[in-house]
C-alpha atoms as a PDB file:
ATOM      1  CA  PRO A   1       0.000   0.000   0.000  1.00  0.00           C
ATOM      2  CA  GLU A   2       1.015   3.560  -0.699  1.00  0.00           C
ATOM      3  CA  ARG A   3       2.237   5.638   2.255  1.00  0.00           C
ATOM      4  CA  PRO A   4      -0.370   8.249   3.305  1.00  0.00           C
ATOM      5  CA  ASP A   5       0.436  11.920   2.830  1.00  0.00           C
ATOM      6  CA  ARG A   6       1.686  14.046   5.714  1.00  0.00           C
ATOM      7  CA  ARG A   7      -1.730  15.510   6.571  1.00  0.00           C
ATOM      8  CA  THR A   8      -3.287  12.029   6.702  1.00  0.00           C
ATOM      9  CA  ARG A   9      -0.489  10.778   8.968  1.00  0.00           C
ATOM     10  CA  GLU A  10      -0.996  13.797  11.246  1.00  0.00           C
ATOM     11  CA  VAL A  11      -4.736  13.116  11.482  1.00  0.00           C
ATOM     12  CA  GLN A  12      -4.067   9.439  12.164  1.00  0.00           C
ATOM     13  CA  ALA A  13      -1.630  10.380  14.935  1.00  0.00           C
ATOM     14  CA  GLU A  14      -4.137  12.845  16.413  1.00  0.00           C
ATOM     15  CA  SER A  15      -6.862  10.204  16.252  1.00  0.00           C
ATOM     16  CA  VAL A  16      -4.656   7.611  17.954  1.00  0.00           C
ATOM     17  CA  ALA A  17      -3.841  10.139  20.680  1.00  0.00           C
ATOM     18  CA  TYR A  18      -7.558  10.879  21.104  1.00  0.00           C
ATOM     19  CA  ALA A  19      -8.463   7.169  21.349  1.00  0.00           C
ATOM     20  CA  VAL A  20      -5.710   6.446  23.879  1.00  0.00           C
ATOM     21  CA  CYS A  21      -6.560   9.509  25.986  1.00  0.00           C
ATOM     22  CA  GLN A  22     -10.251   8.595  25.882  1.00  0.00           C
ATOM     23  CA  HIS A  23      -9.391   5.069  27.078  1.00  0.00           C
ATOM     24  CA  TYR A  24      -7.695   6.558  30.146  1.00  0.00           C
ATOM     25  CA  GLY A  25     -10.482   9.050  30.858  1.00  0.00           C
ATOM     26  CA  LEU A  26      -8.974  12.185  29.313  1.00  0.00           C
ATOM     27  CA  ASP A  27     -11.211  14.145  26.957  1.00  0.00           C
ATOM     28  CA  THR A  28      -9.384  15.866  24.086  1.00  0.00           C
ATOM     29  CA  SER A  29     -12.404  16.053  21.773  1.00  0.00           C
ATOM     30  CA  ASP A  30     -12.534  19.866  21.750  1.00  0.00           C
ATOM     31  CA  TYR A  31      -9.214  19.907  19.940  1.00  0.00           C
ATOM     32  CA  SER A  32      -9.380  16.627  18.032  1.00  0.00           C
ATOM     33  CA  PHE A  33     -12.780  16.631  16.343  1.00  0.00           C
ATOM     34  CA  GLY A  34     -12.411  19.848  14.387  1.00  0.00           C
ATOM     35  CA  TYR A  35      -8.999  18.750  13.197  1.00  0.00           C
ATOM     36  CA  ILE A  36     -10.313  15.394  12.002  1.00  0.00           C
ATOM     37  CA  ALA A  37     -13.485  16.827  10.435  1.00  0.00           C
ATOM     38  CA  GLY A  38     -11.475  19.292   8.355  1.00  0.00           C
ATOM     39  CA  TRP A  39      -9.255  16.544   7.003  1.00  0.00           C
ATOM     40  CA  SER A  40     -12.002  13.991   6.286  1.00  0.00           C
ATOM     41  CA  SER A  41     -14.240  16.142   4.079  1.00  0.00           C
ATOM     42  CA  GLY A  42     -13.934  15.077   0.459  1.00  0.00           C
ATOM     43  CA  LYS A  43     -12.096  11.795   1.215  1.00  0.00           C
ATOM     44  CA  GLU A  44     -13.108   8.534  -0.405  1.00  0.00           C
ATOM     45  CA  LEU A  45     -14.757   5.910   1.794  1.00  0.00           C
ATOM     46  CA  ALA A  46     -11.967   3.403   1.133  1.00  0.00           C
ATOM     47  CA  GLU A  47      -9.326   5.899   2.308  1.00  0.00           C
ATOM     48  CA  LEU A  48     -11.365   6.718   5.421  1.00  0.00           C
ATOM     49  CA  LYS A  49     -11.793   3.014   6.246  1.00  0.00           C
ATOM     50  CA  GLY A  50      -8.070   2.407   5.756  1.00  0.00           C
ATOM     51  CA  SER A  51      -7.195   5.260   8.085  1.00  0.00           C
ATOM     52  CA  LEU A  52      -9.739   4.067  10.637  1.00  0.00           C
ATOM     53  CA  GLU A  53      -8.192   0.591  10.672  1.00  0.00           C
ATOM     54  CA  THR A  54      -4.701   2.081  11.088  1.00  0.00           C
ATOM     55  CA  ILE A  55      -5.975   4.253  13.943  1.00  0.00           C
ATOM     56  CA  ARG A  56      -7.796   1.366  15.634  1.00  0.00           C
ATOM     57  CA  SER A  57      -4.887  -1.074  15.500  1.00  0.00           C
ATOM     58  CA  THR A  58      -2.258   1.504  16.494  1.00  0.00           C
ATOM     59  CA  ALA A  59      -4.344   2.749  19.432  1.00  0.00           C
ATOM     60  CA  ALA A  60      -5.029  -0.826  20.601  1.00  0.00           C
ATOM     61  CA  ASN A  61      -1.312  -1.687  20.446  1.00  0.00           C
ATOM     62  CA  LEU A  62      -0.378   1.487  22.308  1.00  0.00           C
ATOM     63  CA  ILE A  63      -2.991   0.886  25.019  1.00  0.00           C
ATOM     64  CA  ASP A  64      -1.788  -2.712  25.434  1.00  0.00           C
ATOM     65  CA  THR A  65       1.811  -1.509  25.756  1.00  0.00           C
ATOM     66  CA  ILE A  66       0.906   1.201  28.287  1.00  0.00           C
ATOM     67  CA  ASP A  67      -1.251  -1.208  30.305  1.00  0.00           C
ATOM     68  CA  GLY A  68       1.608  -3.731  30.323  1.00  0.00           C
ATOM     69  CA  HIS A  69       4.097  -1.152  31.586  1.00  0.00           C
ATOM     70  CA  PHE A  70       1.592   0.109  34.123  1.00  0.00           C
ATOM     71  CA  ALA A  71       0.967  -3.436  35.420  1.00  0.00           C
ATOM     72  CA  GLU A  72       4.727  -3.976  35.819  1.00  0.00           C
ATOM     73  CA  ILE A  73       5.042  -0.720  37.739  1.00  0.00           C
ATOM     74  CA  GLN A  74       2.071  -1.585  39.956  1.00  0.00           C
ATOM     75  CA  LYS A  75       3.643  -4.976  40.772  1.00  0.00           C
ATOM     76  CA  ALA A  76       6.948  -3.313  41.634  1.00  0.00           C
ATOM     77  CA  GLN A  77       5.203  -0.727  43.827  1.00  0.00           C
ATOM     78  CA  ASP A  78       3.120  -3.399  45.562  1.00  0.00           C
ATOM     79  CA  LYS A  79       6.250  -5.446  46.213  1.00  0.00           C
ATOM     80  CA  GLU A  80       8.027  -2.354  47.560  1.00  0.00           C
ATOM     81  CA  GLN A  81       5.098  -1.522  49.861  1.00  0.00           C
ATOM     82  CA  THR A  82       4.959  -5.102  51.119  1.00  0.00           C
ATOM     83  CA  THR A  83       8.681  -4.973  51.893  1.00  0.00           C
ATOM     84  CA  GLU A  84       8.324  -1.619  53.668  1.00  0.00           C
ATOM     85  CA  GLN A  85       5.409  -2.905  55.744  1.00  0.00           C
ATOM     86  CA  ALA A  86       7.249  -6.108  56.662  1.00  0.00           C
ATOM     87  CA  GLN A  87      10.351  -4.286  57.954  1.00  0.00           C
ATOM     88  CA  PRO A  88       8.612  -2.381  60.804  1.00  0.00           C
ATOM     89  CA  ALA A  89       6.855  -5.592  61.862  1.00  0.00           C
ATOM     90  CA  GLN A  90      10.197  -7.426  62.025  1.00  0.00           C
ATOM     91  CA  GLU A  91      11.772  -4.575  64.012  1.00  0.00           C
ATOM     92  CA  ALA A  92       8.837  -4.541  66.438  1.00  0.00           C
ATOM     93  CA  ALA A  93       9.168  -8.296  66.955  1.00  0.00           C
ATOM     94  CA  LYS A  94      12.877  -7.889  67.771  1.00  0.00           C
ATOM     95  CA  GLN A  95      12.248  -5.109  70.337  1.00  0.00           C
ATOM     96  CA  PRO A  96       8.980  -5.839  72.175  1.00  0.00           C
ATOM     97  CA  GLU A  97      10.095  -4.085  75.393  1.00  0.00           C
ATOM     98  CA  THR A  98      10.546  -0.761  73.556  1.00  0.00           C
ATOM     99  CA  LYS A  99       7.002  -0.829  72.262  1.00  0.00           C
ATOM    100  CA  ALA A 100       5.567  -1.745  75.658  1.00  0.00           C
ATOM    101  CA  ALA A 101       7.430   1.120  77.336  1.00  0.00           C
ATOM    102  CA  ALA A 102       6.054   3.755  74.948  1.00  0.00           C
ATOM    103  CA  PRO A 103       2.780   5.231  76.268  1.00  0.00           C
ATOM    104  CA  GLU A 104      -0.035   5.121  73.766  1.00  0.00           C
ATOM    105  CA  LEU A 105      -2.619   7.846  73.399  1.00  0.00           C
ATOM    106  CA  PRO A 106      -6.224   6.776  73.653  1.00  0.00           C
ATOM    107  CA  GLU A 107      -7.787   6.403  70.225  1.00  0.00           C
ATOM    108  CA  GLU A 108     -10.339   9.118  70.973  1.00  0.00           C
ATOM    109  CA  THR A 109      -7.796  11.879  71.682  1.00  0.00           C
ATOM    110  CA  ALA A 110      -5.448  11.246  68.748  1.00  0.00           C
ATOM    111  CA  PRO A 111      -7.814  12.479  66.003  1.00  0.00           C
ATOM    112  CA  VAL A 112      -8.835  15.506  68.080  1.00  0.00           C
ATOM    113  CA  GLN A 113      -5.218  16.553  68.507  1.00  0.00           C
ATOM    114  CA  GLU A 114      -4.608  16.160  64.773  1.00  0.00           C
ATOM    115  CA  LYS A 115      -7.555  18.426  64.028  1.00  0.00           C
ATOM    116  CA  GLU A 116      -6.319  21.047  66.472  1.00  0.00           C
ATOM    117  CA  ALA A 117      -2.857  21.034  64.886  1.00  0.00           C
ATOM    118  CA  GLN A 118      -4.264  21.830  61.441  1.00  0.00           C
ATOM    119  CA  PRO A 119      -4.784  25.549  60.775  1.00  0.00           C
ATOM    120  CA  GLU A 120      -8.228  26.661  59.694  1.00  0.00           C
ATOM    121  CA  GLN A 121      -8.558  27.115  55.962  1.00  0.00           C
ATOM    122  CA  ALA A 122      -9.710  30.523  54.806  1.00  0.00           C
ATOM    123  CA  ALA A 123     -12.580  30.786  52.362  1.00  0.00           C
ATOM    124  CA  PRO A 124     -11.320  30.503  48.767  1.00  0.00           C
ATOM    125  CA  ALA A 125     -10.845  33.754  46.864  1.00  0.00           C
ATOM    126  CA  ALA A 126     -12.318  32.241  43.699  1.00  0.00           C
ATOM    127  CA  PRO A 127     -14.531  29.242  42.945  1.00  0.00           C
ATOM    128  CA  TYR A 128     -12.675  25.980  42.367  1.00  0.00           C
ATOM    129  CA  TYR A 129     -13.864  23.352  39.937  1.00  0.00           C
ATOM    130  CA  THR A 130     -13.668  19.659  40.671  1.00  0.00           C
ATOM    131  CA  ILE A 131     -10.749  17.729  39.215  1.00  0.00           C
ATOM    132  CA  ASN A 132     -11.127  14.041  38.457  1.00  0.00           C
ATOM    133  CA  GLU A 133      -8.293  12.806  40.689  1.00  0.00           C
ATOM    134  CA  ALA A 134      -8.435   9.271  39.284  1.00  0.00           C
ATOM    135  CA  ALA A 135      -7.923  10.562  35.744  1.00  0.00           C
ATOM    136  CA  ALA A 136      -5.201  12.927  36.973  1.00  0.00           C
ATOM    137  CA  LYS A 137      -3.438  10.033  38.705  1.00  0.00           C
ATOM    138  CA  ARG A 138      -3.601   7.885  35.561  1.00  0.00           C
ATOM    139  CA  ALA A 139      -2.225  10.744  33.478  1.00  0.00           C
ATOM    140  CA  LYS A 140       0.534  11.386  35.985  1.00  0.00           C
ATOM    141  CA  ASP A 141       1.333   7.661  36.116  1.00  0.00           C
ATOM    142  CA  MET A 142       1.607   7.594  32.345  1.00  0.00           C
ATOM    143  CA  ASN A 143       4.065  10.514  32.472  1.00  0.00           C
ATOM    144  CA  SER A 144       6.187   9.741  35.506  1.00  0.00           C
ATOM    145  CA  PHE A 145       5.073   6.240  36.472  1.00  0.00           C
ATOM    146  CA  SER A 146       5.555   6.662  40.201  1.00  0.00           C
ATOM    147  CA  ASP A 147       5.620   9.962  42.061  1.00  0.00           C
ATOM    148  CA  TYR A 148       1.942  10.979  42.011  1.00  0.00           C
ATOM    149  CA  LYS A 149       0.511  11.971  45.379  1.00  0.00           C
ATOM    150  CA  GLN A 150      -3.253  11.851  45.967  1.00  0.00           C
ATOM    151  CA  GLY A 151      -4.719  15.364  45.842  1.00  0.00           C
ATOM    152  CA  SER A 152      -1.666  16.966  44.240  1.00  0.00           C
ATOM    153  CA  ALA A 153      -3.464  17.808  40.988  1.00  0.00           C
ATOM    154  CA  THR A 154      -6.173  19.649  42.918  1.00  0.00           C
ATOM    155  CA  ALA A 155      -3.594  21.429  45.079  1.00  0.00           C
ATOM    156  CA  GLU A 156      -1.588  22.503  42.032  1.00  0.00           C
ATOM    157  CA  TYR A 157      -4.736  23.690  40.258  1.00  0.00           C
ATOM    158  CA  ARG A 158      -5.846  25.707  43.291  1.00  0.00           C
ATOM    159  CA  HIS A 159      -2.367  27.220  43.582  1.00  0.00           C
ATOM    160  CA  TYR A 160      -2.584  28.506  39.995  1.00  0.00           C
ATOM    161  CA  VAL A 161      -6.121  29.839  40.527  1.00  0.00           C
ATOM    162  CA  ASP A 162      -4.958  31.672  43.662  1.00  0.00           C
ATOM    163  CA  GLU A 163      -1.978  33.119  41.766  1.00  0.00           C
ATOM    164  CA  ALA A 164      -4.302  34.349  39.023  1.00  0.00           C
ATOM    165  CA  VAL A 165      -6.602  35.983  41.586  1.00  0.00           C
ATOM    166  CA  GLN A 166      -3.637  37.714  43.236  1.00  0.00           C
ATOM    167  CA  THR A 167      -2.370  38.936  39.868  1.00  0.00           C
ATOM    168  CA  CYS A 168      -5.810  40.352  39.039  1.00  0.00           C
ATOM    169  CA  ARG A 169      -6.033  42.079  42.407  1.00  0.00           C
ATOM    170  CA  LYS A 170      -2.578  43.605  41.964  1.00  0.00           C
ATOM    171  CA  ALA A 171      -3.574  44.855  38.526  1.00  0.00           C
ATOM    172  CA  GLU A 172      -6.768  46.343  39.956  1.00  0.00           C
ATOM    173  CA  THR A 173      -4.965  48.150  42.749  1.00  0.00           C
ATOM    174  CA  ALA A 174      -2.173  49.352  40.475  1.00  0.00           C
ATOM    175  CA  GLY A 175      -4.698  51.057  38.219  1.00  0.00           C
ATOM    176  CA  ARG A 176      -6.556  52.678  41.123  1.00  0.00           C
ATOM    177  CA  PRO A 177      -4.427  54.941  43.339  1.00  0.00           C
ATOM    178  CA  ASP A 178      -7.322  55.391  45.794  1.00  0.00           C
ATOM    179  CA  VAL A 179      -7.091  51.711  46.826  1.00  0.00           C
ATOM    180  CA  PRO A 180      -4.491  51.073  49.578  1.00  0.00           C
END
């Protein structure tokens, strides 16, 4: 078969990216659909079917590869966690007198003290929108494979929103000398 032209290859790549992202819960349709619609107008059905088959098989292979790598990483992380959990248990078994000597707080007071130690959060300066943490974690895992921390995507998003609000307030006050 003849190699597709550059524009067709670009659309196929964009379509593969869309299919893979969609599989992992990321919606890129706002960008992808217009791009694909512009390319497909005036194409023959046979060419469209050929491209669709290329897109389908490439996306399936890519998803299988990513899932395989992800499964390997999950196994390694699970093994690492199991090892980390086993070590404290072994150390505690070796030194039972140390554990017995340490006074334990009653279960009821521990959570109360934790709550008191946390500072009160001020009301947000701007409305925050919900972030799908599961999708953010999958995306982060696909990029870095290991260092994602639960809630970090929301925290980073809120940080940028707060920065934007501060920038707007500075701009407002800079333009108005009557505001302290």
